[in-house]
């Protein structure tokens, strides 16, 4: 079984997600894999499922560049992080690194007033 098959797990047809969001797609996992492969010092931060969105993972590179994608639950996020060889944290416990906020500040589009 490939990585996607292991990550998707088995869901019953009666599994009700209970959110307004779609689940993770293969494109989401591919994007995460590509992000890790093309950046250094990447860490993962798992964000919990809410009433509006499914569980997500934020990947933050050493320079603060970041990306967020849906993932099929916290266990899947931890398994993906292990497979990719990156540390993973619970965003509700640790918060996000300062370098992520610094990246946003330095890459914000200019505002027009």
Protein backbone atom coordinates (compact mmCIF):
# COMPACT_ATOMS: atom_id res chain seq x y z
CA UNK A 1 0.00 0.00 0.00
CA UNK A 2 1.34 3.45 -0.94
CA UNK A 3 1.75 6.46 1.29
CA UNK A 4 -1.66 7.89 0.31
CA UNK A 5 -3.41 4.60 1.15
CA UNK A 6 -1.78 4.52 4.58
CA UNK A 7 -2.61 8.17 5.20
CA UNK A 8 -6.25 7.95 4.14
CA UNK A 9 -6.96 5.08 6.48
CA UNK A 10 -10.30 3.40 6.23
CA UNK A 11 -13.46 5.38 6.68
CA UNK A 12 -16.87 3.85 6.74
CA UNK A 13 -19.44 5.14 4.25
CA UNK A 14 -21.52 6.31 7.21
CA UNK A 15 -18.66 8.42 8.64
CA UNK A 16 -20.12 11.90 9.03
CA UNK A 17 -17.43 14.57 9.06
CA UNK A 18 -19.67 17.16 10.67
CA UNK A 19 -17.81 20.14 9.19
CA UNK A 20 -18.43 22.51 6.32
CA UNK A 21 -15.02 21.69 4.83
CA UNK A 22 -13.84 19.00 2.46
CA UNK A 23 -11.46 16.27 3.59
CA UNK A 24 -7.83 15.95 2.58
CA UNK A 25 -7.08 15.13 -1.04
CA UNK A 26 -4.03 13.55 -2.66
CA UNK A 27 -3.05 17.02 -3.90
CA UNK A 28 -2.86 18.22 -0.28
CA UNK A 29 -0.43 15.44 0.69
CA UNK A 30 1.62 15.98 -2.49
CA UNK A 31 1.94 19.67 -1.68
CA UNK A 32 3.15 18.88 1.85
CA UNK A 33 5.69 16.35 0.54
CA UNK A 34 6.98 18.90 -2.01
CA UNK A 35 7.24 21.63 0.63
CA UNK A 36 9.38 19.41 2.86
CA UNK A 37 11.53 18.25 -0.06
CA UNK A 38 12.33 21.79 -1.21
CA UNK A 39 12.93 23.54 2.12
CA UNK A 40 15.19 23.00 5.09
CA UNK A 41 14.38 22.81 8.79
CA UNK A 42 10.67 22.11 8.33
CA UNK A 43 8.47 21.48 11.39
CA UNK A 44 4.81 20.49 11.49
CA UNK A 45 2.08 22.05 13.66
CA UNK A 46 -1.20 20.13 13.88
CA UNK A 47 -4.35 22.25 14.12
CA UNK A 48 -7.51 20.61 15.47
CA UNK A 49 -10.68 19.99 13.57
CA UNK A 50 -13.30 22.71 14.08
CA UNK A 51 -16.94 23.13 13.13
CA UNK A 52 -15.80 24.76 9.89
CA UNK A 53 -12.55 23.02 8.89
CA UNK A 54 -11.09 19.56 9.05
CA UNK A 55 -7.80 18.89 10.86
CA UNK A 56 -4.96 20.79 9.22
CA UNK A 57 -1.19 20.76 9.46
CA UNK A 58 0.97 23.85 9.10
CA UNK A 59 4.50 23.23 7.88
CA UNK A 60 7.01 25.93 8.81
CA UNK A 61 10.47 26.06 7.21
CA UNK A 62 13.61 27.33 8.96
CA UNK A 63 13.23 30.76 7.31
CA UNK A 64 9.60 31.06 8.45
CA UNK A 65 7.93 30.30 5.12
CA UNK A 66 4.85 28.24 5.81
CA UNK A 67 1.98 26.35 4.23
CA UNK A 68 -1.26 24.87 5.55
CA UNK A 69 -3.18 21.90 4.20
CA UNK A 70 -5.98 19.60 5.31
CA UNK A 71 -5.05 16.23 6.74
CA UNK A 72 -7.20 13.29 7.78
CA UNK A 73 -6.81 13.71 11.53
CA UNK A 74 -4.02 14.20 14.07
CA UNK A 75 -2.83 10.59 13.84
CA UNK A 76 -2.39 10.96 10.09
CA UNK A 77 -0.51 14.23 10.58
CA UNK A 78 1.87 12.55 13.02
CA UNK A 79 2.34 9.57 10.69
CA UNK A 80 3.03 11.88 7.74
CA UNK A 81 5.53 13.87 9.80
CA UNK A 82 7.28 10.66 10.82
CA UNK A 83 7.39 9.45 7.20
CA UNK A 84 8.81 12.80 6.08
CA UNK A 85 11.31 12.90 8.95
CA UNK A 86 10.16 16.18 10.47
CA UNK A 87 9.17 17.04 14.05
CA UNK A 88 5.49 17.64 14.73
CA UNK A 89 3.84 19.68 17.48
CA UNK A 90 0.31 20.33 18.67
CA UNK A 91 -0.38 23.95 17.71
CA UNK A 92 -2.82 24.36 20.63
CA UNK A 93 -0.06 23.44 23.08
CA UNK A 94 3.06 25.02 21.58
CA UNK A 95 1.66 27.83 19.48
CA UNK A 96 3.48 28.84 16.30
CA UNK A 97 7.13 29.86 15.99
CA UNK A 98 8.02 33.56 15.85
CA UNK A 99 9.77 33.03 12.51
CA UNK A 100 6.36 32.29 10.96
CA UNK A 101 5.01 35.69 12.07
CA UNK A 102 8.23 37.36 10.94
CA UNK A 103 7.85 35.76 7.49
CA UNK A 104 4.30 37.10 7.22
CA UNK A 105 5.42 40.57 8.23
CA UNK A 106 8.27 40.62 5.69
CA UNK A 107 6.19 39.18 2.83
CA UNK A 108 2.99 41.15 3.28
CA UNK A 109 1.75 42.80 0.08
CA UNK A 110 1.96 46.59 0.15
CA UNK A 111 -1.24 48.31 1.22
CA UNK A 112 -2.73 51.19 -0.70
CA UNK A 113 -4.38 53.99 1.18
